[in-house]
PDB file of N, CA and C in Angstrom:
ATOM      1  N   MET A   1       5.455  22.268   2.955  1.00  0.00           N
ATOM      2  CA  MET A   1       5.651  20.868   3.301  1.00  0.00           C
ATOM      3  C   MET A   1       7.141  20.670   3.621  1.00  0.00           C
ATOM      4  N   THR A   2       7.398  20.176   4.810  1.00  0.00           N
ATOM      5  CA  THR A   2       8.793  20.041   5.224  1.00  0.00           C
ATOM      6  C   THR A   2       9.263  18.596   5.273  1.00  0.00           C
ATOM      7  N   SER A   3       8.342  17.655   5.143  1.00  0.00           N
ATOM      8  CA  SER A   3       8.697  16.246   5.264  1.00  0.00           C
ATOM      9  C   SER A   3       7.674  15.383   4.526  1.00  0.00           C
ATOM     10  N   TYR A   4       8.097  14.196   4.141  1.00  0.00           N
ATOM     11  CA  TYR A   4       7.159  13.242   3.548  1.00  0.00           C
ATOM     12  C   TYR A   4       6.049  12.900   4.530  1.00  0.00           C
ATOM     13  N   ARG A   5       6.308  13.064   5.827  1.00  0.00           N
ATOM     14  CA  ARG A   5       5.291  12.789   6.845  1.00  0.00           C
ATOM     15  C   ARG A   5       4.101  13.741   6.738  1.00  0.00           C
ATOM     16  N   ASP A   6       4.308  14.878   6.076  1.00  0.00           N
ATOM     17  CA  ASP A   6       3.235  15.846   5.876  1.00  0.00           C
ATOM     18  C   ASP A   6       2.297  15.444   4.741  1.00  0.00           C
ATOM     19  N   LEU A   7       2.729  14.502   3.908  1.00  0.00           N
ATOM     20  CA  LEU A   7       1.916  14.062   2.777  1.00  0.00           C
ATOM     21  C   LEU A   7       0.743  13.208   3.274  1.00  0.00           C
ATOM     22  N   ILE A   8      -0.456  13.604   2.914  1.00  0.00           N
ATOM     23  CA  ILE A   8      -1.643  12.849   3.332  1.00  0.00           C
ATOM     24  C   ILE A   8      -1.611  11.441   2.764  1.00  0.00           C
ATOM     25  N   VAL A   9      -1.105  11.292   1.533  1.00  0.00           N
ATOM     26  CA  VAL A   9      -1.030   9.963   0.923  1.00  0.00           C
ATOM     27  C   VAL A   9      -0.097   9.050   1.727  1.00  0.00           C
ATOM     28  N   TRP A  10       0.970   9.602   2.275  1.00  0.00           N
ATOM     29  CA  TRP A  10       1.878   8.805   3.109  1.00  0.00           C
ATOM     30  C   TRP A  10       1.165   8.436   4.424  1.00  0.00           C
ATOM     31  N   GLN A  11       0.479   9.393   5.030  1.00  0.00           N
ATOM     32  CA  GLN A  11      -0.235   9.144   6.285  1.00  0.00           C
ATOM     33  C   GLN A  11      -1.297   8.060   6.103  1.00  0.00           C
ATOM     34  N   LYS A  12      -2.048   8.148   5.014  1.00  0.00           N
ATOM     35  CA  LYS A  12      -3.099   7.165   4.764  1.00  0.00           C
ATOM     36  C   LYS A  12      -2.506   5.796   4.442  1.00  0.00           C
ATOM     37  N   SER A  13      -1.388   5.771   3.746  1.00  0.00           N
ATOM     38  CA  SER A  13      -0.750   4.484   3.442  1.00  0.00           C
ATOM     39  C   SER A  13      -0.180   3.854   4.715  1.00  0.00           C
ATOM     40  N   MET A  14       0.244   4.674   5.657  1.00  0.00           N
ATOM     41  CA  MET A  14       0.700   4.137   6.950  1.00  0.00           C
ATOM     42  C   MET A  14      -0.484   3.528   7.706  1.00  0.00           C
ATOM     43  N   SER A  15      -1.636   4.179   7.640  1.00  0.00           N
ATOM     44  CA  SER A  15      -2.839   3.618   8.267  1.00  0.00           C
ATOM     45  C   SER A  15      -3.214   2.303   7.605  1.00  0.00           C
ATOM     46  N   LEU A  16      -3.055   2.247   6.292  1.00  0.00           N
ATOM     47  CA  LEU A  16      -3.346   1.030   5.546  1.00  0.00           C
ATOM     48  C   LEU A  16      -2.448  -0.118   6.010  1.00  0.00           C
ATOM     49  N   VAL A  17      -1.169   0.154   6.197  1.00  0.00           N
ATOM     50  CA  VAL A  17      -0.232  -0.870   6.682  1.00  0.00           C
ATOM     51  C   VAL A  17      -0.674  -1.397   8.047  1.00  0.00           C
ATOM     52  N   THR A  18      -1.070  -0.505   8.922  1.00  0.00           N
ATOM     53  CA  THR A  18      -1.508  -0.897  10.261  1.00  0.00           C
ATOM     54  C   THR A  18      -2.719  -1.819  10.193  1.00  0.00           C
ATOM     55  N   LEU A  19      -3.700  -1.438   9.388  1.00  0.00           N
ATOM     56  CA  LEU A  19      -4.900  -2.271   9.242  1.00  0.00           C
ATOM     57  C   LEU A  19      -4.555  -3.643   8.655  1.00  0.00           C
ATOM     58  N   ILE A  20      -3.675  -3.652   7.682  1.00  0.00           N
ATOM     59  CA  ILE A  20      -3.295  -4.906   7.030  1.00  0.00           C
ATOM     60  C   ILE A  20      -2.545  -5.816   7.993  1.00  0.00           C
ATOM     61  N   TYR A  21      -1.637  -5.264   8.774  1.00  0.00           N
ATOM     62  CA  TYR A  21      -0.893  -6.083   9.742  1.00  0.00           C
ATOM     63  C   TYR A  21      -1.839  -6.730  10.745  1.00  0.00           C
ATOM     64  N   LYS A  22      -2.856  -5.990  11.157  1.00  0.00           N
ATOM     65  CA  LYS A  22      -3.838  -6.551  12.095  1.00  0.00           C
ATOM     66  C   LYS A  22      -4.667  -7.646  11.431  1.00  0.00           C
ATOM     67  N   LEU A  23      -5.021  -7.432  10.175  1.00  0.00           N
ATOM     68  CA  LEU A  23      -5.837  -8.403   9.454  1.00  0.00           C
ATOM     69  C   LEU A  23      -5.079  -9.699   9.176  1.00  0.00           C
ATOM     70  N   VAL A  24      -3.821  -9.587   8.866  1.00  0.00           N
ATOM     71  CA  VAL A  24      -3.013 -10.747   8.479  1.00  0.00           C
ATOM     72  C   VAL A  24      -2.895 -11.765   9.616  1.00  0.00           C
ATOM     73  N   THR A  25      -3.115 -11.340  10.831  1.00  0.00           N
ATOM     74  CA  THR A  25      -3.058 -12.289  11.953  1.00  0.00           C
ATOM     75  C   THR A  25      -4.153 -13.349  11.842  1.00  0.00           C
ATOM     76  N   GLN A  26      -5.164 -13.093  11.007  1.00  0.00           N
ATOM     77  CA  GLN A  26      -6.253 -14.059  10.818  1.00  0.00           C
ATOM     78  C   GLN A  26      -5.893 -15.175   9.838  1.00  0.00           C
ATOM     79  N   LEU A  27      -4.799 -15.006   9.109  1.00  0.00           N
ATOM     80  CA  LEU A  27      -4.398 -16.034   8.148  1.00  0.00           C
ATOM     81  C   LEU A  27      -3.908 -17.284   8.880  1.00  0.00           C
ATOM     82  N   PRO A  28      -4.037 -18.429   8.242  1.00  0.00           N
ATOM     83  CA  PRO A  28      -3.572 -19.669   8.875  1.00  0.00           C
ATOM     84  C   PRO A  28      -2.076 -19.616   9.197  1.00  0.00           C
ATOM     85  N   GLU A  29      -1.701 -20.290  10.256  1.00  0.00           N
ATOM     86  CA  GLU A  29      -0.304 -20.317  10.696  1.00  0.00           C
ATOM     87  C   GLU A  29       0.631 -20.790   9.589  1.00  0.00           C
ATOM     88  N   ASN A  30       0.172 -21.750   8.780  1.00  0.00           N
ATOM     89  CA  ASN A  30       1.052 -22.276   7.730  1.00  0.00           C
ATOM     90  C   ASN A  30       1.271 -21.270   6.591  1.00  0.00           C
ATOM     91  N   GLU A  31       0.577 -20.135   6.620  1.00  0.00           N
ATOM     92  CA  GLU A  31       0.785 -19.076   5.628  1.00  0.00           C
ATOM     93  C   GLU A  31       1.701 -17.970   6.159  1.00  0.00           C
ATOM     94  N   LYS A  32       2.223 -18.160   7.353  1.00  0.00           N
ATOM     95  CA  LYS A  32       3.065 -17.154   8.000  1.00  0.00           C
ATOM     96  C   LYS A  32       4.229 -16.709   7.115  1.00  0.00           C
ATOM     97  N   TYR A  33       4.859 -17.660   6.433  1.00  0.00           N
ATOM     98  CA  TYR A  33       6.012 -17.330   5.597  1.00  0.00           C
ATOM     99  C   TYR A  33       5.648 -17.307   4.115  1.00  0.00           C
ATOM    100  N   GLY A  34       4.383 -17.471   3.801  1.00  0.00           N
ATOM    101  CA  GLY A  34       3.913 -17.459   2.418  1.00  0.00           C
ATOM    102  C   GLY A  34       3.138 -16.193   2.138  1.00  0.00           C
ATOM    103  N   LEU A  35       1.850 -16.348   1.983  1.00  0.00           N
ATOM    104  CA  LEU A  35       0.977 -15.242   1.615  1.00  0.00           C
ATOM    105  C   LEU A  35       0.996 -14.116   2.652  1.00  0.00           C
ATOM    106  N   ALA A  36       1.003 -14.457   3.921  1.00  0.00           N
ATOM    107  CA  ALA A  36       1.013 -13.423   4.970  1.00  0.00           C
ATOM    108  C   ALA A  36       2.244 -12.530   4.833  1.00  0.00           C
ATOM    109  N   SER A  37       3.378 -13.145   4.605  1.00  0.00           N
ATOM    110  CA  SER A  37       4.628 -12.393   4.437  1.00  0.00           C
ATOM    111  C   SER A  37       4.565 -11.489   3.212  1.00  0.00           C
ATOM    112  N   GLN A  38       4.040 -12.007   2.109  1.00  0.00           N
ATOM    113  CA  GLN A  38       3.914 -11.235   0.876  1.00  0.00           C
ATOM    114  C   GLN A  38       2.986 -10.040   1.068  1.00  0.00           C
ATOM    115  N   ILE A  39       1.867 -10.277   1.737  1.00  0.00           N
ATOM    116  CA  ILE A  39       0.894  -9.205   1.976  1.00  0.00           C
ATOM    117  C   ILE A  39       1.532  -8.090   2.805  1.00  0.00           C
ATOM    118  N   LYS A  40       2.248  -8.467   3.856  1.00  0.00           N
ATOM    119  CA  LYS A  40       2.880  -7.460   4.713  1.00  0.00           C
ATOM    120  C   LYS A  40       3.973  -6.697   3.974  1.00  0.00           C
ATOM    121  N   ARG A  41       4.786  -7.417   3.189  1.00  0.00           N
ATOM    122  CA  ARG A  41       5.875  -6.751   2.465  1.00  0.00           C
ATOM    123  C   ARG A  41       5.350  -5.765   1.435  1.00  0.00           C
ATOM    124  N   SER A  42       4.321  -6.160   0.692  1.00  0.00           N
ATOM    125  CA  SER A  42       3.788  -5.235  -0.313  1.00  0.00           C
ATOM    126  C   SER A  42       3.137  -4.022   0.358  1.00  0.00           C
ATOM    127  N   ALA A  43       2.499  -4.232   1.512  1.00  0.00           N
ATOM    128  CA  ALA A  43       1.887  -3.114   2.245  1.00  0.00           C
ATOM    129  C   ALA A  43       2.943  -2.129   2.730  1.00  0.00           C
ATOM    130  N   VAL A  44       4.013  -2.642   3.304  1.00  0.00           N
ATOM    131  CA  VAL A  44       5.094  -1.794   3.818  1.00  0.00           C
ATOM    132  C   VAL A  44       5.773  -1.022   2.690  1.00  0.00           C
ATOM    133  N   SER A  45       5.813  -1.636   1.523  1.00  0.00           N
ATOM    134  CA  SER A  45       6.455  -1.012   0.372  1.00  0.00           C
ATOM    135  C   SER A  45       5.762   0.276  -0.070  1.00  0.00           C
ATOM    136  N   ILE A  46       4.481   0.389   0.187  1.00  0.00           N
ATOM    137  CA  ILE A  46       3.720   1.566  -0.280  1.00  0.00           C
ATOM    138  C   ILE A  46       4.234   2.855   0.383  1.00  0.00           C
ATOM    139  N   PRO A  47       4.141   3.008   1.707  1.00  0.00           N
ATOM    140  CA  PRO A  47       4.638   4.251   2.306  1.00  0.00           C
ATOM    141  C   PRO A  47       6.164   4.378   2.221  1.00  0.00           C
ATOM    142  N   SER A  48       6.846   3.243   2.183  1.00  0.00           N
ATOM    143  CA  SER A  48       8.311   3.292   2.083  1.00  0.00           C
ATOM    144  C   SER A  48       8.752   3.936   0.777  1.00  0.00           C
ATOM    145  N   ASN A  49       8.102   3.568  -0.320  1.00  0.00           N
ATOM    146  CA  ASN A  49       8.464   4.149  -1.615  1.00  0.00           C
ATOM    147  C   ASN A  49       8.012   5.594  -1.739  1.00  0.00           C
ATOM    148  N   ILE A  50       6.896   5.931  -1.111  1.00  0.00           N
ATOM    149  CA  ILE A  50       6.467   7.336  -1.096  1.00  0.00           C
ATOM    150  C   ILE A  50       7.534   8.171  -0.393  1.00  0.00           C
ATOM    151  N   ALA A  51       8.000   7.689   0.747  1.00  0.00           N
ATOM    152  CA  ALA A  51       9.021   8.408   1.516  1.00  0.00           C
ATOM    153  C   ALA A  51      10.347   8.474   0.760  1.00  0.00           C
ATOM    154  N   GLU A  52      10.761   7.344   0.199  1.00  0.00           N
ATOM    155  CA  GLU A  52      12.044   7.333  -0.515  1.00  0.00           C
ATOM    156  C   GLU A  52      12.004   8.269  -1.721  1.00  0.00           C
ATOM    157  N   GLY A  53      10.904   8.241  -2.452  1.00  0.00           N
ATOM    158  CA  GLY A  53      10.774   9.131  -3.600  1.00  0.00           C
ATOM    159  C   GLY A  53      10.809  10.599  -3.200  1.00  0.00           C
ATOM    160  N   TYR A  54      10.163  10.903  -2.088  1.00  0.00           N
ATOM    161  CA  TYR A  54      10.159  12.278  -1.586  1.00  0.00           C
ATOM    162  C   TYR A  54      11.585  12.741  -1.283  1.00  0.00           C
ATOM    163  N   GLY A  55      12.394  11.809  -0.812  1.00  0.00           N
ATOM    164  CA  GLY A  55      13.768  12.134  -0.445  1.00  0.00           C
ATOM    165  C   GLY A  55      14.689  12.371  -1.633  1.00  0.00           C
ATOM    166  N   ARG A  56      14.245  12.023  -2.819  1.00  0.00           N
ATOM    167  CA  ARG A  56      15.030  12.268  -4.030  1.00  0.00           C
ATOM    168  C   ARG A  56      14.858  13.727  -4.437  1.00  0.00           C
ATOM    169  N   ASN A  57      15.880  14.276  -5.037  1.00  0.00           N
ATOM    170  CA  ASN A  57      15.814  15.688  -5.413  1.00  0.00           C
ATOM    171  C   ASN A  57      15.373  15.912  -6.852  1.00  0.00           C
ATOM    172  N   TYR A  58      14.901  14.876  -7.496  1.00  0.00           N
ATOM    173  CA  TYR A  58      14.495  14.997  -8.891  1.00  0.00           C
ATOM    174  C   TYR A  58      13.059  14.533  -9.063  1.00  0.00           C
ATOM    175  N   ARG A  59      12.287  15.327  -9.791  1.00  0.00           N
ATOM    176  CA  ARG A  59      10.878  15.007 -10.025  1.00  0.00           C
ATOM    177  C   ARG A  59      10.697  13.632 -10.657  1.00  0.00           C
ATOM    178  N   LYS A  60      11.553  13.340 -11.641  1.00  0.00           N
ATOM    179  CA  LYS A  60      11.443  12.058 -12.339  1.00  0.00           C
ATOM    180  C   LYS A  60      11.628  10.894 -11.369  1.00  0.00           C
ATOM    181  N   ASP A  61      12.608  11.008 -10.493  1.00  0.00           N
ATOM    182  CA  ASP A  61      12.850   9.959  -9.486  1.00  0.00           C
ATOM    183  C   ASP A  61      11.645   9.830  -8.556  1.00  0.00           C
ATOM    184  N   TYR A  62      11.131  10.967  -8.117  1.00  0.00           N
ATOM    185  CA  TYR A  62       9.993  10.966  -7.209  1.00  0.00           C
ATOM    186  C   TYR A  62       8.797  10.287  -7.874  1.00  0.00           C
ATOM    187  N   SER A  63       8.541  10.665  -9.115  1.00  0.00           N
ATOM    188  CA  SER A  63       7.435  10.071  -9.853  1.00  0.00           C
ATOM    189  C   SER A  63       7.624   8.563  -9.989  1.00  0.00           C
ATOM    190  N   ARG A  64       8.830   8.137 -10.276  1.00  0.00           N
ATOM    191  CA  ARG A  64       9.109   6.701 -10.437  1.00  0.00           C
ATOM    192  C   ARG A  64       8.839   5.953  -9.126  1.00  0.00           C
ATOM    193  N   PHE A  65       9.257   6.496  -7.994  1.00  0.00           N
ATOM    194  CA  PHE A  65       9.014   5.832  -6.712  1.00  0.00           C
ATOM    195  C   PHE A  65       7.527   5.802  -6.363  1.00  0.00           C
ATOM    196  N   LEU A  66       6.797   6.842  -6.765  1.00  0.00           N
ATOM    197  CA  LEU A  66       5.347   6.827  -6.559  1.00  0.00           C
ATOM    198  C   LEU A  66       4.698   5.752  -7.426  1.00  0.00           C
ATOM    199  N   GLN A  67       5.221   5.548  -8.620  1.00  0.00           N
ATOM    200  CA  GLN A  67       4.714   4.482  -9.482  1.00  0.00           C
ATOM    201  C   GLN A  67       5.004   3.110  -8.875  1.00  0.00           C
ATOM    202  N   ILE A  68       6.156   2.975  -8.258  1.00  0.00           N
ATOM    203  CA  ILE A  68       6.493   1.713  -7.573  1.00  0.00           C
ATOM    204  C   ILE A  68       5.533   1.505  -6.398  1.00  0.00           C
ATOM    205  N   ALA A  69       5.251   2.572  -5.655  1.00  0.00           N
ATOM    206  CA  ALA A  69       4.297   2.488  -4.538  1.00  0.00           C
ATOM    207  C   ALA A  69       2.931   2.050  -5.047  1.00  0.00           C
ATOM    208  N   ARG A  70       2.521   2.617  -6.180  1.00  0.00           N
ATOM    209  CA  ARG A  70       1.231   2.238  -6.764  1.00  0.00           C
ATOM    210  C   ARG A  70       1.243   0.764  -7.186  1.00  0.00           C
ATOM    211  N   GLY A  71       2.354   0.309  -7.740  1.00  0.00           N
ATOM    212  CA  GLY A  71       2.479  -1.099  -8.106  1.00  0.00           C
ATOM    213  C   GLY A  71       2.378  -1.995  -6.889  1.00  0.00           C
ATOM    214  N   SER A  72       3.003  -1.591  -5.795  1.00  0.00           N
ATOM    215  CA  SER A  72       2.913  -2.359  -4.547  1.00  0.00           C
ATOM    216  C   SER A  72       1.496  -2.375  -4.014  1.00  0.00           C
ATOM    217  N   LEU A  73       0.789  -1.267  -4.179  1.00  0.00           N
ATOM    218  CA  LEU A  73      -0.612  -1.194  -3.757  1.00  0.00           C
ATOM    219  C   LEU A  73      -1.453  -2.190  -4.551  1.00  0.00           C
ATOM    220  N   PHE A  74      -1.255  -2.234  -5.862  1.00  0.00           N
ATOM    221  CA  PHE A  74      -1.995  -3.177  -6.706  1.00  0.00           C
ATOM    222  C   PHE A  74      -1.625  -4.618  -6.359  1.00  0.00           C
ATOM    223  N   GLU A  75      -0.359  -4.837  -6.086  1.00  0.00           N
ATOM    224  CA  GLU A  75       0.099  -6.169  -5.667  1.00  0.00           C
ATOM    225  C   GLU A  75      -0.606  -6.579  -4.383  1.00  0.00           C
ATOM    226  N   ASN A  76      -0.686  -5.647  -3.448  1.00  0.00           N
ATOM    227  CA  ASN A  76      -1.331  -5.919  -2.164  1.00  0.00           C
ATOM    228  C   ASN A  76      -2.815  -6.210  -2.341  1.00  0.00           C
ATOM    229  N   GLN A  77      -3.489  -5.428  -3.168  1.00  0.00           N
ATOM    230  CA  GLN A  77      -4.916  -5.658  -3.434  1.00  0.00           C
ATOM    231  C   GLN A  77      -5.118  -7.072  -3.988  1.00  0.00           C
ATOM    232  N   THR A  78      -4.243  -7.483  -4.887  1.00  0.00           N
ATOM    233  CA  THR A  78      -4.334  -8.811  -5.493  1.00  0.00           C
ATOM    234  C   THR A  78      -4.105  -9.906  -4.460  1.00  0.00           C
ATOM    235  N   GLN A  79      -3.116  -9.729  -3.611  1.00  0.00           N
ATOM    236  CA  GLN A  79      -2.816 -10.733  -2.589  1.00  0.00           C
ATOM    237  C   GLN A  79      -3.968 -10.879  -1.600  1.00  0.00           C
ATOM    238  N   LEU A  80      -4.593  -9.783  -1.232  1.00  0.00           N
ATOM    239  CA  LEU A  80      -5.740  -9.852  -0.329  1.00  0.00           C
ATOM    240  C   LEU A  80      -6.915 -10.562  -0.995  1.00  0.00           C
ATOM    241  N   GLU A  81      -7.084 -10.322  -2.281  1.00  0.00           N
ATOM    242  CA  GLU A  81      -8.144 -11.012  -3.016  1.00  0.00           C
ATOM    243  C   GLU A  81      -7.861 -12.523  -3.072  1.00  0.00           C
ATOM    244  N   ILE A  82      -6.613 -12.880  -3.238  1.00  0.00           N
ATOM    245  CA  ILE A  82      -6.230 -14.299  -3.229  1.00  0.00           C
ATOM    246  C   ILE A  82      -6.589 -14.920  -1.881  1.00  0.00           C
ATOM    247  N   ALA A  83      -6.294 -14.205  -0.797  1.00  0.00           N
ATOM    248  CA  ALA A  83      -6.610 -14.704   0.546  1.00  0.00           C
ATOM    249  C   ALA A  83      -8.113 -14.924   0.704  1.00  0.00           C
ATOM    250  N   VAL A  84      -8.921 -14.046   0.114  1.00  0.00           N
ATOM    251  CA  VAL A  84     -10.377 -14.217   0.155  1.00  0.00           C
ATOM    252  C   VAL A  84     -10.779 -15.430  -0.683  1.00  0.00           C
ATOM    253  N   ASN A  85     -10.215 -15.543  -1.882  1.00  0.00           N
ATOM    254  CA  ASN A  85     -10.543 -16.669  -2.766  1.00  0.00           C
ATOM    255  C   ASN A  85     -10.205 -18.019  -2.132  1.00  0.00           C
ATOM    256  N   LEU A  86      -9.166 -18.034  -1.314  1.00  0.00           N
ATOM    257  CA  LEU A  86      -8.761 -19.263  -0.628  1.00  0.00           C
ATOM    258  C   LEU A  86      -9.501 -19.466   0.697  1.00  0.00           C
ATOM    259  N   ASP A  87     -10.449 -18.592   0.976  1.00  0.00           N
ATOM    260  CA  ASP A  87     -11.233 -18.628   2.217  1.00  0.00           C
ATOM    261  C   ASP A  87     -10.385 -18.446   3.474  1.00  0.00           C
ATOM    262  N   PHE A  88      -9.267 -17.740   3.335  1.00  0.00           N
ATOM    263  CA  PHE A  88      -8.454 -17.392   4.504  1.00  0.00           C
ATOM    264  C   PHE A  88      -9.017 -16.151   5.190  1.00  0.00           C
ATOM    265  N   LEU A  89      -9.646 -15.287   4.401  1.00  0.00           N
ATOM    266  CA  LEU A  89     -10.251 -14.055   4.902  1.00  0.00           C
ATOM    267  C   LEU A  89     -11.639 -13.928   4.306  1.00  0.00           C
ATOM    268  N   LYS A  90     -12.475 -13.152   4.997  1.00  0.00           N
ATOM    269  CA  LYS A  90     -13.817 -12.872   4.495  1.00  0.00           C
ATOM    270  C   LYS A  90     -13.805 -11.514   3.799  1.00  0.00           C
ATOM    271  N   ALA A  91     -14.497 -11.428   2.684  1.00  0.00           N
ATOM    272  CA  ALA A  91     -14.549 -10.181   1.924  1.00  0.00           C
ATOM    273  C   ALA A  91     -15.026  -9.018   2.801  1.00  0.00           C
ATOM    274  N   ASP A  92     -15.967  -9.286   3.698  1.00  0.00           N
ATOM    275  CA  ASP A  92     -16.483  -8.241   4.593  1.00  0.00           C
ATOM    276  C   ASP A  92     -15.386  -7.668   5.490  1.00  0.00           C
ATOM    277  N   ASP A  93     -14.408  -8.502   5.850  1.00  0.00           N
ATOM    278  CA  ASP A  93     -13.318  -8.061   6.717  1.00  0.00           C
ATOM    279  C   ASP A  93     -12.378  -7.083   6.013  1.00  0.00           C
ATOM    280  N   LEU A  94     -12.462  -7.037   4.689  1.00  0.00           N
ATOM    281  CA  LEU A  94     -11.558  -6.199   3.900  1.00  0.00           C
ATOM    282  C   LEU A  94     -12.156  -4.843   3.538  1.00  0.00           C
ATOM    283  N   GLU A  95     -13.400  -4.595   3.914  1.00  0.00           N
ATOM    284  CA  GLU A  95     -14.091  -3.394   3.436  1.00  0.00           C
ATOM    285  C   GLU A  95     -13.339  -2.104   3.770  1.00  0.00           C
ATOM    286  N   GLU A  96     -12.936  -1.935   5.007  1.00  0.00           N
ATOM    287  CA  GLU A  96     -12.226  -0.703   5.392  1.00  0.00           C
ATOM    288  C   GLU A  96     -10.898  -0.605   4.642  1.00  0.00           C
ATOM    289  N   ILE A  97     -10.196  -1.722   4.528  1.00  0.00           N
ATOM    290  CA  ILE A  97      -8.920  -1.746   3.805  1.00  0.00           C
ATOM    291  C   ILE A  97      -9.144  -1.416   2.336  1.00  0.00           C
ATOM    292  N   LYS A  98     -10.182  -1.978   1.770  1.00  0.00           N
ATOM    293  CA  LYS A  98     -10.492  -1.740   0.356  1.00  0.00           C
ATOM    294  C   LYS A  98     -10.754  -0.253   0.104  1.00  0.00           C
ATOM    295  N   GLN A  99     -11.558   0.371   0.949  1.00  0.00           N
ATOM    296  CA  GLN A  99     -11.877   1.794   0.785  1.00  0.00           C
ATOM    297  C   GLN A  99     -10.630   2.665   0.924  1.00  0.00           C
ATOM    298  N   LEU A 100      -9.824   2.383   1.924  1.00  0.00           N
ATOM    299  CA  LEU A 100      -8.601   3.152   2.136  1.00  0.00           C
ATOM    300  C   LEU A 100      -7.620   2.923   0.988  1.00  0.00           C
ATOM    301  N   SER A 101      -7.563   1.716   0.503  1.00  0.00           N
ATOM    302  CA  SER A 101      -6.697   1.373  -0.620  1.00  0.00           C
ATOM    303  C   SER A 101      -7.080   2.164  -1.873  1.00  0.00           C
ATOM    304  N   ILE A 102      -8.354   2.275  -2.128  1.00  0.00           N
ATOM    305  CA  ILE A 102      -8.835   3.043  -3.283  1.00  0.00           C
ATOM    306  C   ILE A 102      -8.485   4.520  -3.127  1.00  0.00           C
ATOM    307  N   GLU A 103      -8.617   5.008  -1.912  1.00  0.00           N
ATOM    308  CA  GLU A 103      -8.283   6.406  -1.626  1.00  0.00           C
ATOM    309  C   GLU A 103      -6.794   6.664  -1.879  1.00  0.00           C
ATOM    310  N   VAL A 104      -5.941   5.774  -1.393  1.00  0.00           N
ATOM    311  CA  VAL A 104      -4.492   5.909  -1.601  1.00  0.00           C
ATOM    312  C   VAL A 104      -4.176   5.828  -3.098  1.00  0.00           C
ATOM    313  N   GLU A 105      -4.835   4.925  -3.787  1.00  0.00           N
ATOM    314  CA  GLU A 105      -4.628   4.777  -5.239  1.00  0.00           C
ATOM    315  C   GLU A 105      -4.938   6.090  -5.967  1.00  0.00           C
ATOM    316  N   LYS A 106      -6.056   6.697  -5.652  1.00  0.00           N
ATOM    317  CA  LYS A 106      -6.442   7.956  -6.295  1.00  0.00           C
ATOM    318  C   LYS A 106      -5.442   9.063  -5.987  1.00  0.00           C
ATOM    319  N   MET A 107      -4.987   9.099  -4.741  1.00  0.00           N
ATOM    320  CA  MET A 107      -4.024  10.126  -4.352  1.00  0.00           C
ATOM    321  C   MET A 107      -2.693   9.930  -5.071  1.00  0.00           C
ATOM    322  N   LEU A 108      -2.254   8.685  -5.171  1.00  0.00           N
ATOM    323  CA  LEU A 108      -1.008   8.406  -5.889  1.00  0.00           C
ATOM    324  C   LEU A 108      -1.144   8.791  -7.360  1.00  0.00           C
ATOM    325  N   ASN A 109      -2.262   8.423  -7.969  1.00  0.00           N
ATOM    326  CA  ASN A 109      -2.487   8.776  -9.374  1.00  0.00           C
ATOM    327  C   ASN A 109      -2.433  10.284  -9.578  1.00  0.00           C
ATOM    328  N   SER A 110      -3.063  11.014  -8.687  1.00  0.00           N
ATOM    329  CA  SER A 110      -3.095  12.471  -8.771  1.00  0.00           C
ATOM    330  C   SER A 110      -1.702  13.075  -8.606  1.00  0.00           C
ATOM    331  N   LEU A 111      -0.964  12.587  -7.643  1.00  0.00           N
ATOM    332  CA  LEU A 111       0.380  13.104  -7.387  1.00  0.00           C
ATOM    333  C   LEU A 111       1.324  12.778  -8.542  1.00  0.00           C
ATOM    334  N   ILE A 112       1.226  11.581  -9.077  1.00  0.00           N
ATOM    335  CA  ILE A 112       2.053  11.197 -10.231  1.00  0.00           C
ATOM    336  C   ILE A 112       1.746  12.106 -11.415  1.00  0.00           C
ATOM    337  N   LYS A 113       0.478  12.312 -11.672  1.00  0.00           N
ATOM    338  CA  LYS A 113       0.059  13.170 -12.785  1.00  0.00           C
ATOM    339  C   LYS A 113       0.592  14.581 -12.619  1.00  0.00           C
ATOM    340  N   LYS A 114       0.495  15.096 -11.403  1.00  0.00           N
ATOM    341  CA  LYS A 114       0.963  16.445 -11.120  1.00  0.00           C
ATOM    342  C   LYS A 114       2.465  16.569 -11.343  1.00  0.00           C
ATOM    343  N   LEU A 115       3.214  15.557 -10.935  1.00  0.00           N
ATOM    344  CA  LEU A 115       4.665  15.593 -11.099  1.00  0.00           C
ATOM    345  C   LEU A 115       5.087  15.479 -12.560  1.00  0.00           C
ATOM    346  N   GLU A 116       4.266  14.811 -13.345  1.00  0.00           N
ATOM    347  CA  GLU A 116       4.618  14.589 -14.746  1.00  0.00           C
ATOM    348  C   GLU A 116       4.176  15.723 -15.663  1.00  0.00           C
ATOM    349  N   GLU A 117       3.451  16.702 -15.125  1.00  0.00           N
ATOM    350  CA  GLU A 117       3.018  17.851 -15.941  1.00  0.00           C
ATOM    351  C   GLU A 117       4.166  18.797 -16.204  1.00  0.00           C
TER     352      GLU A 117
END
């Protein structure tokens, strides 16, 4: 592995960001600087922290950044659920994002565990 770009978890989290950015366009205009902004920021934080952690030369640092990425993932899942609860989005529209999100979560958990062994 020569780059964080080689990490499947980073690649999948980048796909997740793309899907989320497309979905957020469905939110009401008055949420542009509210929930929509929060959803996009937490989504971007996931691959960003994976990449930043990879760039650190210490396992502990890398593990910590992966934990931050996982926290951002959970934050994003919560924000999307809020959007559904407020009837800004339909639960059916989130299915692909939900599945990919779970996949990224499992990969992050596995990588964190491996680094902490």
